[in-house]
Amino acid sequence: MKTITAKELESLLNEGKTLNIIDVRETDEVANGKIPGAVNIPLGLIEFRMNELDKSKEYIMVCRSGARSGRASQFLDSYGFNVTNMTGGMLAWEGKQE
């Protein structure tokens, strides 16, 4: 599984890179703040909403600590998606939140 650190992701965003970030936390967790531009698809809904994703794009998966996003990454990878897990999750995120 490919991984990226919170710092590396923050640097890419600060450089103005357009990234596809999926936050797999529950809706109430995301309400407390998420990475700007991240789309919330709770882990339990990934299987049902993966038809909304494009296999030609790269997705960066985020959760609170990195465990749920790791499971989401493995699941989507098994279906041929290009996914990267942000290690440490939002606990490691020091950048802007919306």
PDB file of N, CA and C in Angstrom:
ATOM      1  N   MET A   1       0.834  -1.184   0.000  1.00  0.00           N
ATOM      2  CA  MET A   1       0.000   0.000   0.000  1.00  0.00           C
ATOM      3  C   MET A   1       0.883   1.252   0.000  1.00  0.00           C
ATOM      4  N   LYS A   2       0.545   2.185  -0.882  1.00  0.00           N
ATOM      5  CA  LYS A   2       1.280   3.451  -0.923  1.00  0.00           C
ATOM      6  C   LYS A   2       0.846   4.314   0.249  1.00  0.00           C
ATOM      7  N   THR A   3       1.799   5.058   0.799  1.00  0.00           N
ATOM      8  CA  THR A   3       1.484   5.941   1.914  1.00  0.00           C
ATOM      9  C   THR A   3       2.069   7.332   1.669  1.00  0.00           C
ATOM     10  N   ILE A   4       1.494   8.296   2.369  1.00  0.00           N
ATOM     11  CA  ILE A   4       1.991   9.669   2.362  1.00  0.00           C
ATOM     12  C   ILE A   4       1.831  10.178   3.791  1.00  0.00           C
ATOM     13  N   THR A   5       2.761  11.008   4.237  1.00  0.00           N
ATOM     14  CA  THR A   5       2.630  11.578   5.579  1.00  0.00           C
ATOM     15  C   THR A   5       1.753  12.828   5.506  1.00  0.00           C
ATOM     16  N   ALA A   6       1.251  13.246   6.661  1.00  0.00           N
ATOM     17  CA  ALA A   6       0.442  14.465   6.734  1.00  0.00           C
ATOM     18  C   ALA A   6       1.262  15.663   6.256  1.00  0.00           C
ATOM     19  N   LYS A   7       2.528  15.710   6.633  1.00  0.00           N
ATOM     20  CA  LYS A   7       3.405  16.821   6.231  1.00  0.00           C
ATOM     21  C   LYS A   7       3.587  16.848   4.715  1.00  0.00           C
ATOM     22  N   GLU A   8       3.807  15.661   4.103  1.00  0.00           N
ATOM     23  CA  GLU A   8       3.979  15.600   2.649  1.00  0.00           C
ATOM     24  C   GLU A   8       2.713  16.068   1.936  1.00  0.00           C
ATOM     25  N   LEU A   9       1.560  15.650   2.447  1.00  0.00           N
ATOM     26  CA  LEU A   9       0.287  16.065   1.847  1.00  0.00           C
ATOM     27  C   LEU A   9       0.095  17.566   1.990  1.00  0.00           C
ATOM     28  N   GLU A  10       0.400  18.096   3.161  1.00  0.00           N
ATOM     29  CA  GLU A  10       0.281  19.537   3.386  1.00  0.00           C
ATOM     30  C   GLU A  10       1.174  20.309   2.419  1.00  0.00           C
ATOM     31  N   SER A  11       2.391  19.820   2.203  1.00  0.00           N
ATOM     32  CA  SER A  11       3.317  20.479   1.265  1.00  0.00           C
ATOM     33  C   SER A  11       2.753  20.504  -0.147  1.00  0.00           C
ATOM     34  N   LEU A  12       2.178  19.373  -0.592  1.00  0.00           N
ATOM     35  CA  LEU A  12       1.588  19.307  -1.931  1.00  0.00           C
ATOM     36  C   LEU A  12       0.435  20.308  -2.073  1.00  0.00           C
ATOM     37  N   LEU A  13      -0.406  20.393  -1.052  1.00  0.00           N
ATOM     38  CA  LEU A  13      -1.517  21.344  -1.088  1.00  0.00           C
ATOM     39  C   LEU A  13      -1.013  22.781  -1.089  1.00  0.00           C
ATOM     40  N   ASN A  14       0.037  23.062  -0.301  1.00  0.00           N
ATOM     41  CA  ASN A  14       0.608  24.411  -0.251  1.00  0.00           C
ATOM     42  C   ASN A  14       1.247  24.800  -1.576  1.00  0.00           C
ATOM     43  N   GLU A  15       1.677  23.804  -2.365  1.00  0.00           N
ATOM     44  CA  GLU A  15       2.248  24.062  -3.698  1.00  0.00           C
ATOM     45  C   GLU A  15       1.142  24.311  -4.727  1.00  0.00           C
ATOM     46  N   GLY A  16      -0.108  24.160  -4.295  1.00  0.00           N
ATOM     47  CA  GLY A  16      -1.216  24.392  -5.207  1.00  0.00           C
ATOM     48  C   GLY A  16      -1.635  23.178  -6.015  1.00  0.00           C
ATOM     49  N   LYS A  17      -1.143  22.003  -5.641  1.00  0.00           N
ATOM     50  CA  LYS A  17      -1.506  20.781  -6.351  1.00  0.00           C
ATOM     51  C   LYS A  17      -2.991  20.482  -6.136  1.00  0.00           C
ATOM     52  N   THR A  18      -3.652  20.016  -7.189  1.00  0.00           N
ATOM     53  CA  THR A  18      -5.037  19.586  -7.088  1.00  0.00           C
ATOM     54  C   THR A  18      -5.040  18.100  -6.756  1.00  0.00           C
ATOM     55  N   LEU A  19      -5.583  17.760  -5.597  1.00  0.00           N
ATOM     56  CA  LEU A  19      -5.561  16.376  -5.126  1.00  0.00           C
ATOM     57  C   LEU A  19      -6.977  15.896  -4.850  1.00  0.00           C
ATOM     58  N   ASN A  20      -7.166  14.598  -4.976  1.00  0.00           N
ATOM     59  CA  ASN A  20      -8.447  13.980  -4.669  1.00  0.00           C
ATOM     60  C   ASN A  20      -8.323  13.315  -3.305  1.00  0.00           C
ATOM     61  N   ILE A  21      -8.847  13.988  -2.286  1.00  0.00           N
ATOM     62  CA  ILE A  21      -8.733  13.500  -0.911  1.00  0.00           C
ATOM     63  C   ILE A  21     -10.095  12.989  -0.464  1.00  0.00           C
ATOM     64  N   ILE A  22     -10.108  11.780   0.067  1.00  0.00           N
ATOM     65  CA  ILE A  22     -11.344  11.206   0.594  1.00  0.00           C
ATOM     66  C   ILE A  22     -11.154  10.972   2.082  1.00  0.00           C
ATOM     67  N   ASP A  23     -12.035  11.580   2.856  1.00  0.00           N
ATOM     68  CA  ASP A  23     -12.015  11.437   4.316  1.00  0.00           C
ATOM     69  C   ASP A  23     -13.049  10.372   4.672  1.00  0.00           C
ATOM     70  N   VAL A  24     -12.585   9.247   5.230  1.00  0.00           N
ATOM     71  CA  VAL A  24     -13.480   8.120   5.505  1.00  0.00           C
ATOM     72  C   VAL A  24     -14.016   8.119   6.938  1.00  0.00           C
ATOM     73  N   ARG A  25     -13.826   9.226   7.662  1.00  0.00           N
ATOM     74  CA  ARG A  25     -14.388   9.309   9.015  1.00  0.00           C
ATOM     75  C   ARG A  25     -15.906   9.469   8.937  1.00  0.00           C
ATOM     76  N   GLU A  26     -16.554   9.276  10.072  1.00  0.00           N
ATOM     77  CA  GLU A  26     -17.998   9.465  10.146  1.00  0.00           C
ATOM     78  C   GLU A  26     -18.319  10.953  10.022  1.00  0.00           C
ATOM     79  N   THR A  27     -19.534  11.256   9.600  1.00  0.00           N
ATOM     80  CA  THR A  27     -19.962  12.638   9.353  1.00  0.00           C
ATOM     81  C   THR A  27     -19.761  13.537  10.562  1.00  0.00           C
ATOM     82  N   ASP A  28     -20.074  13.034  11.761  1.00  0.00           N
ATOM     83  CA  ASP A  28     -19.914  13.870  12.960  1.00  0.00           C
ATOM     84  C   ASP A  28     -18.451  14.174  13.252  1.00  0.00           C
ATOM     85  N   GLU A  29     -17.533  13.271  12.882  1.00  0.00           N
ATOM     86  CA  GLU A  29     -16.099  13.528  13.073  1.00  0.00           C
ATOM     87  C   GLU A  29     -15.629  14.620  12.112  1.00  0.00           C
ATOM     88  N   VAL A  30     -16.097  14.544  10.872  1.00  0.00           N
ATOM     89  CA  VAL A  30     -15.696  15.504   9.840  1.00  0.00           C
ATOM     90  C   VAL A  30     -16.227  16.903  10.172  1.00  0.00           C
ATOM     91  N   ALA A  31     -17.365  16.964  10.860  1.00  0.00           N
ATOM     92  CA  ALA A  31     -17.946  18.252  11.230  1.00  0.00           C
ATOM     93  C   ALA A  31     -17.000  19.068  12.109  1.00  0.00           C
ATOM     94  N   ASN A  32     -16.073  18.411  12.798  1.00  0.00           N
ATOM     95  CA  ASN A  32     -15.094  19.100  13.651  1.00  0.00           C
ATOM     96  C   ASN A  32     -13.905  19.625  12.865  1.00  0.00           C
ATOM     97  N   GLY A  33     -13.874  19.373  11.562  1.00  0.00           N
ATOM     98  CA  GLY A  33     -12.793  19.876  10.717  1.00  0.00           C
ATOM     99  C   GLY A  33     -12.248  18.806   9.807  1.00  0.00           C
ATOM    100  N   LYS A  34     -11.961  19.221   8.563  1.00  0.00           N
ATOM    101  CA  LYS A  34     -11.371  18.300   7.589  1.00  0.00           C
ATOM    102  C   LYS A  34     -10.380  19.065   6.737  1.00  0.00           C
ATOM    103  N   ILE A  35      -9.583  18.328   6.003  1.00  0.00           N
ATOM    104  CA  ILE A  35      -8.620  18.942   5.090  1.00  0.00           C
ATOM    105  C   ILE A  35      -9.411  19.664   4.000  1.00  0.00           C
ATOM    106  N   PRO A  36      -9.071  20.919   3.697  1.00  0.00           N
ATOM    107  CA  PRO A  36      -9.809  21.656   2.675  1.00  0.00           C
ATOM    108  C   PRO A  36      -9.891  20.883   1.355  1.00  0.00           C
ATOM    109  N   GLY A  37     -11.111  20.778   0.840  1.00  0.00           N
ATOM    110  CA  GLY A  37     -11.321  20.093  -0.430  1.00  0.00           C
ATOM    111  C   GLY A  37     -11.573  18.600  -0.311  1.00  0.00           C
ATOM    112  N   ALA A  38     -11.394  18.044   0.868  1.00  0.00           N
ATOM    113  CA  ALA A  38     -11.616  16.608   1.049  1.00  0.00           C
ATOM    114  C   ALA A  38     -13.097  16.282   0.928  1.00  0.00           C
ATOM    115  N   VAL A  39     -13.384  15.126   0.333  1.00  0.00           N
ATOM    116  CA  VAL A  39     -14.754  14.639   0.196  1.00  0.00           C
ATOM    117  C   VAL A  39     -14.974  13.591   1.275  1.00  0.00           C
ATOM    118  N   ASN A  40     -16.108  13.691   1.979  1.00  0.00           N
ATOM    119  CA  ASN A  40     -16.395  12.732   3.047  1.00  0.00           C
ATOM    120  C   ASN A  40     -17.205  11.560   2.499  1.00  0.00           C
ATOM    121  N   ILE A  41     -16.591  10.372   2.547  1.00  0.00           N
ATOM    122  CA  ILE A  41     -17.301   9.119   2.271  1.00  0.00           C
ATOM    123  C   ILE A  41     -16.967   8.194   3.434  1.00  0.00           C
ATOM    124  N   PRO A  42     -17.864   8.070   4.424  1.00  0.00           N
ATOM    125  CA  PRO A  42     -17.569   7.210   5.576  1.00  0.00           C
ATOM    126  C   PRO A  42     -17.176   5.794   5.147  1.00  0.00           C
ATOM    127  N   LEU A  43     -16.256   5.196   5.891  1.00  0.00           N
ATOM    128  CA  LEU A  43     -15.736   3.873   5.547  1.00  0.00           C
ATOM    129  C   LEU A  43     -16.845   2.877   5.227  1.00  0.00           C
ATOM    130  N   GLY A  44     -17.905   2.876   6.020  1.00  0.00           N
ATOM    131  CA  GLY A  44     -18.991   1.927   5.806  1.00  0.00           C
ATOM    132  C   GLY A  44     -19.744   2.118   4.498  1.00  0.00           C
ATOM    133  N   LEU A  45     -19.542   3.262   3.839  1.00  0.00           N
ATOM    134  CA  LEU A  45     -20.239   3.543   2.579  1.00  0.00           C
ATOM    135  C   LEU A  45     -19.337   3.428   1.358  1.00  0.00           C
ATOM    136  N   ILE A  46     -18.041   3.204   1.561  1.00  0.00           N
ATOM    137  CA  ILE A  46     -17.092   3.132   0.439  1.00  0.00           C
ATOM    138  C   ILE A  46     -17.554   2.126  -0.623  1.00  0.00           C
ATOM    139  N   GLU A  47     -17.937   0.946  -0.176  1.00  0.00           N
ATOM    140  CA  GLU A  47     -18.346  -0.109  -1.115  1.00  0.00           C
ATOM    141  C   GLU A  47     -19.522   0.349  -1.989  1.00  0.00           C
ATOM    142  N   PHE A  48     -20.438   1.125  -1.399  1.00  0.00           N
ATOM    143  CA  PHE A  48     -21.637   1.547  -2.103  1.00  0.00           C
ATOM    144  C   PHE A  48     -21.437   2.802  -2.941  1.00  0.00           C
ATOM    145  N   ARG A  49     -20.376   3.548  -2.639  1.00  0.00           N
ATOM    146  CA  ARG A  49     -20.152   4.809  -3.355  1.00  0.00           C
ATOM    147  C   ARG A  49     -18.918   4.789  -4.245  1.00  0.00           C
ATOM    148  N   MET A  50     -18.255   3.630  -4.354  1.00  0.00           N
ATOM    149  CA  MET A  50     -17.038   3.610  -5.174  1.00  0.00           C
ATOM    150  C   MET A  50     -17.350   3.856  -6.651  1.00  0.00           C
ATOM    151  N   ASN A  51     -18.627   3.712  -7.050  1.00  0.00           N
ATOM    152  CA  ASN A  51     -19.007   4.019  -8.426  1.00  0.00           C
ATOM    153  C   ASN A  51     -18.877   5.515  -8.722  1.00  0.00           C
ATOM    154  N   GLU A  52     -18.764   6.342  -7.679  1.00  0.00           N
ATOM    155  CA  GLU A  52     -18.579   7.790  -7.848  1.00  0.00           C
ATOM    156  C   GLU A  52     -17.115   8.135  -8.134  1.00  0.00           C
ATOM    157  N   LEU A  53     -16.226   7.161  -7.953  1.00  0.00           N
ATOM    158  CA  LEU A  53     -14.793   7.401  -8.113  1.00  0.00           C
ATOM    159  C   LEU A  53     -14.336   7.018  -9.514  1.00  0.00           C
ATOM    160  N   ASP A  54     -13.250   7.645  -9.959  1.00  0.00           N
ATOM    161  CA  ASP A  54     -12.701   7.450 -11.294  1.00  0.00           C
ATOM    162  C   ASP A  54     -11.374   6.698 -11.185  1.00  0.00           C
ATOM    163  N   LYS A  55     -11.300   5.524 -11.809  1.00  0.00           N
ATOM    164  CA  LYS A  55     -10.080   4.709 -11.703  1.00  0.00           C
ATOM    165  C   LYS A  55      -8.865   5.369 -12.352  1.00  0.00           C
ATOM    166  N   SER A  56      -9.077   6.396 -13.175  1.00  0.00           N
ATOM    167  CA  SER A  56      -7.939   7.066 -13.819  1.00  0.00           C
ATOM    168  C   SER A  56      -7.320   8.133 -12.908  1.00  0.00           C
ATOM    169  N   LYS A  57      -7.962   8.398 -11.748  1.00  0.00           N
ATOM    170  CA  LYS A  57      -7.443   9.399 -10.817  1.00  0.00           C
ATOM    171  C   LYS A  57      -6.791   8.733  -9.618  1.00  0.00           C
ATOM    172  N   GLU A  58      -5.920   9.503  -8.955  1.00  0.00           N
ATOM    173  CA  GLU A  58      -5.305   9.031  -7.719  1.00  0.00           C
ATOM    174  C   GLU A  58      -6.084   9.617  -6.548  1.00  0.00           C
ATOM    175  N   TYR A  59      -6.327   8.789  -5.539  1.00  0.00           N
ATOM    176  CA  TYR A  59      -7.053   9.233  -4.346  1.00  0.00           C
ATOM    177  C   TYR A  59      -6.174   9.088  -3.112  1.00  0.00           C
ATOM    178  N   ILE A  60      -6.263  10.078  -2.233  1.00  0.00           N
ATOM    179  CA  ILE A  60      -5.556  10.022  -0.957  1.00  0.00           C
ATOM    180  C   ILE A  60      -6.617   9.834   0.122  1.00  0.00           C
ATOM    181  N   MET A  61      -6.456   8.758   0.885  1.00  0.00           N
ATOM    182  CA  MET A  61      -7.442   8.386   1.895  1.00  0.00           C
ATOM    183  C   MET A  61      -7.001   8.905   3.262  1.00  0.00           C
ATOM    184  N   VAL A  62      -7.959   9.472   4.005  1.00  0.00           N
ATOM    185  CA  VAL A  62      -7.676  10.086   5.310  1.00  0.00           C
ATOM    186  C   VAL A  62      -8.719   9.624   6.327  1.00  0.00           C
ATOM    187  N   CYS A  63      -8.295   9.415   7.572  1.00  0.00           N
ATOM    188  CA  CYS A  63      -9.231   9.168   8.677  1.00  0.00           C
ATOM    189  C   CYS A  63      -8.646   9.823   9.928  1.00  0.00           C
ATOM    190  N   ARG A  64      -9.050   9.373  11.098  1.00  0.00           N
ATOM    191  CA  ARG A  64      -8.558   9.986  12.336  1.00  0.00           C
ATOM    192  C   ARG A  64      -7.110   9.615  12.608  1.00  0.00           C
ATOM    193  N   SER A  65      -6.785   8.306  12.504  1.00  0.00           N
ATOM    194  CA  SER A  65      -5.434   7.861  12.876  1.00  0.00           C
ATOM    195  C   SER A  65      -4.676   7.166  11.744  1.00  0.00           C
ATOM    196  N   GLY A  66      -5.361   6.792  10.677  1.00  0.00           N
ATOM    197  CA  GLY A  66      -4.718   6.097   9.567  1.00  0.00           C
ATOM    198  C   GLY A  66      -5.161   4.651   9.414  1.00  0.00           C
ATOM    199  N   ALA A  67      -5.887   4.118  10.401  1.00  0.00           N
ATOM    200  CA  ALA A  67      -6.310   2.712  10.349  1.00  0.00           C
ATOM    201  C   ALA A  67      -7.491   2.505   9.393  1.00  0.00           C
ATOM    202  N   ARG A  68      -8.547   3.291   9.566  1.00  0.00           N
ATOM    203  CA  ARG A  68      -9.714   3.146   8.686  1.00  0.00           C
ATOM    204  C   ARG A  68      -9.369   3.503   7.244  1.00  0.00           C
ATOM    205  N   SER A  69      -8.561   4.547   7.071  1.00  0.00           N
ATOM    206  CA  SER A  69      -8.178   4.915   5.704  1.00  0.00           C
ATOM    207  C   SER A  69      -7.305   3.830   5.091  1.00  0.00           C
ATOM    208  N   GLY A  70      -6.536   3.118   5.920  1.00  0.00           N
ATOM    209  CA  GLY A  70      -5.746   1.986   5.434  1.00  0.00           C
ATOM    210  C   GLY A  70      -6.642   0.873   4.928  1.00  0.00           C
ATOM    211  N   ARG A  71      -7.715   0.593   5.681  1.00  0.00           N
ATOM    212  CA  ARG A  71      -8.671  -0.435   5.246  1.00  0.00           C
ATOM    213  C   ARG A  71      -9.371  -0.009   3.958  1.00  0.00           C
ATOM    214  N   ALA A  72      -9.753   1.262   3.882  1.00  0.00           N
ATOM    215  CA  ALA A  72     -10.392   1.781   2.665  1.00  0.00           C
ATOM    216  C   ALA A  72      -9.437   1.700   1.481  1.00  0.00           C
ATOM    217  N   SER A  73      -8.159   2.016   1.722  1.00  0.00           N
ATOM    218  CA  SER A  73      -7.155   1.948   0.657  1.00  0.00           C
ATOM    219  C   SER A  73      -7.007   0.526   0.134  1.00  0.00           C
ATOM    220  N   GLN A  74      -6.905  -0.431   1.044  1.00  0.00           N
ATOM    221  CA  GLN A  74      -6.770  -1.831   0.639  1.00  0.00           C
ATOM    222  C   GLN A  74      -7.991  -2.292  -0.152  1.00  0.00           C
ATOM    223  N   PHE A  75      -9.177  -1.907   0.318  1.00  0.00           N
ATOM    224  CA  PHE A  75     -10.411  -2.295  -0.363  1.00  0.00           C
ATOM    225  C   PHE A  75     -10.447  -1.731  -1.782  1.00  0.00           C
ATOM    226  N   LEU A  76     -10.213  -0.413  -1.927  1.00  0.00           N
ATOM    227  CA  LEU A  76     -10.273   0.213  -3.246  1.00  0.00           C
ATOM    228  C   LEU A  76      -9.164  -0.295  -4.150  1.00  0.00           C
ATOM    229  N   ASP A  77      -7.985  -0.537  -3.587  1.00  0.00           N
ATOM    230  CA  ASP A  77      -6.874  -1.080  -4.354  1.00  0.00           C
ATOM    231  C   ASP A  77      -7.255  -2.438  -4.954  1.00  0.00           C
ATOM    232  N   SER A  78      -7.980  -3.234  -4.189  1.00  0.00           N
ATOM    233  CA  SER A  78      -8.375  -4.558  -4.673  1.00  0.00           C
ATOM    234  C   SER A  78      -9.340  -4.464  -5.864  1.00  0.00           C
ATOM    235  N   TYR A  79      -9.958  -3.291  -6.033  1.00  0.00           N
ATOM    236  CA  TYR A  79     -10.842  -3.067  -7.179  1.00  0.00           C
ATOM    237  C   TYR A  79     -10.158  -2.263  -8.285  1.00  0.00           C
ATOM    238  N   GLY A  80      -8.848  -2.091  -8.177  1.00  0.00           N
ATOM    239  CA  GLY A  80      -8.087  -1.449  -9.236  1.00  0.00           C
ATOM    240  C   GLY A  80      -7.977   0.059  -9.153  1.00  0.00           C
ATOM    241  N   PHE A  81      -8.323   0.650  -8.005  1.00  0.00           N
ATOM    242  CA  PHE A  81      -8.180   2.101  -7.846  1.00  0.00           C
ATOM    243  C   PHE A  81      -6.755   2.446  -7.430  1.00  0.00           C
ATOM    244  N   ASN A  82      -6.307   3.642  -7.803  1.00  0.00           N
ATOM    245  CA  ASN A  82      -4.992   4.155  -7.453  1.00  0.00           C
ATOM    246  C   ASN A  82      -5.148   4.954  -6.157  1.00  0.00           C
ATOM    247  N   VAL A  83      -4.792   4.328  -5.034  1.00  0.00           N
ATOM    248  CA  VAL A  83      -5.017   4.961  -3.731  1.00  0.00           C
ATOM    249  C   VAL A  83      -3.749   5.032  -2.898  1.00  0.00           C
ATOM    250  N   THR A  84      -3.678   6.065  -2.073  1.00  0.00           N
ATOM    251  CA  THR A  84      -2.571   6.288  -1.156  1.00  0.00           C
ATOM    252  C   THR A  84      -3.166   6.583   0.213  1.00  0.00           C
ATOM    253  N   ASN A  85      -2.607   5.981   1.247  1.00  0.00           N
ATOM    254  CA  ASN A  85      -3.099   6.195   2.614  1.00  0.00           C
ATOM    255  C   ASN A  85      -2.256   7.259   3.314  1.00  0.00           C
ATOM    256  N   MET A  86      -2.930   8.250   3.932  1.00  0.00           N
ATOM    257  CA  MET A  86      -2.208   9.241   4.731  1.00  0.00           C
ATOM    258  C   MET A  86      -1.980   8.657   6.122  1.00  0.00           C
ATOM    259  N   THR A  87      -0.733   8.366   6.425  1.00  0.00           N
ATOM    260  CA  THR A  87      -0.392   7.773   7.719  1.00  0.00           C
ATOM    261  C   THR A  87      -0.575   8.792   8.840  1.00  0.00           C
ATOM    262  N   GLY A  88      -1.011   8.302   9.983  1.00  0.00           N
ATOM    263  CA  GLY A  88      -1.196   9.182  11.144  1.00  0.00           C
ATOM    264  C   GLY A  88      -2.536   9.881  11.182  1.00  0.00           C
ATOM    265  N   GLY A  89      -3.225   9.933  10.045  1.00  0.00           N
ATOM    266  CA  GLY A  89      -4.549  10.532   9.975  1.00  0.00           C
ATOM    267  C   GLY A  89      -4.595  11.977  10.438  1.00  0.00           C
ATOM    268  N   MET A  90      -5.807  12.406  10.788  1.00  0.00           N
ATOM    269  CA  MET A  90      -6.004  13.793  11.207  1.00  0.00           C
ATOM    270  C   MET A  90      -5.294  14.102  12.522  1.00  0.00           C
ATOM    271  N   LEU A  91      -4.947  13.084  13.292  1.00  0.00           N
ATOM    272  CA  LEU A  91      -4.165  13.313  14.517  1.00  0.00           C
ATOM    273  C   LEU A  91      -2.799  13.901  14.182  1.00  0.00           C
ATOM    274  N   ALA A  92      -2.287  13.575  12.975  1.00  0.00           N
ATOM    275  CA  ALA A  92      -0.973  14.065  12.554  1.00  0.00           C
ATOM    276  C   ALA A  92      -1.079  15.342  11.712  1.00  0.00           C
ATOM    277  N   TRP A  93      -2.287  15.707  11.318  1.00  0.00           N
ATOM    278  CA  TRP A  93      -2.486  16.860  10.434  1.00  0.00           C
ATOM    279  C   TRP A  93      -2.320  18.166  11.208  1.00  0.00           C
ATOM    280  N   GLU A  94      -1.417  19.024  10.689  1.00  0.00           N
ATOM    281  CA  GLU A  94      -1.179  20.334  11.312  1.00  0.00           C
ATOM    282  C   GLU A  94      -1.583  21.474  10.402  1.00  0.00           C
ATOM    283  N   GLY A  95      -2.045  21.142   9.212  1.00  0.00           N
ATOM    284  CA  GLY A  95      -2.403  22.163   8.233  1.00  0.00           C
ATOM    285  C   GLY A  95      -3.777  22.761   8.479  1.00  0.00           C
ATOM    286  N   LYS A  96      -4.219  23.560   7.491  1.00  0.00           N
ATOM    287  CA  LYS A  96      -5.532  24.223   7.575  1.00  0.00           C
ATOM    288  C   LYS A  96      -6.648  23.183   7.582  1.00  0.00           C
ATOM    289  N   GLN A  97      -7.746  23.559   8.209  1.00  0.00           N
ATOM    290  CA  GLN A  97      -8.947  22.722   8.190  1.00  0.00           C
ATOM    291  C   GLN A  97     -10.133  23.577   7.829  1.00  0.00           C
ATOM    292  N   GLU A  98     -11.137  22.939   7.287  1.00  0.00           N
ATOM    293  CA  GLU A  98     -12.372  23.672   6.971  1.00  0.00           C
ATOM    294  C   GLU A  98     -13.538  22.999   7.671  1.00  0.00           C
TER     295      GLU A  98
END
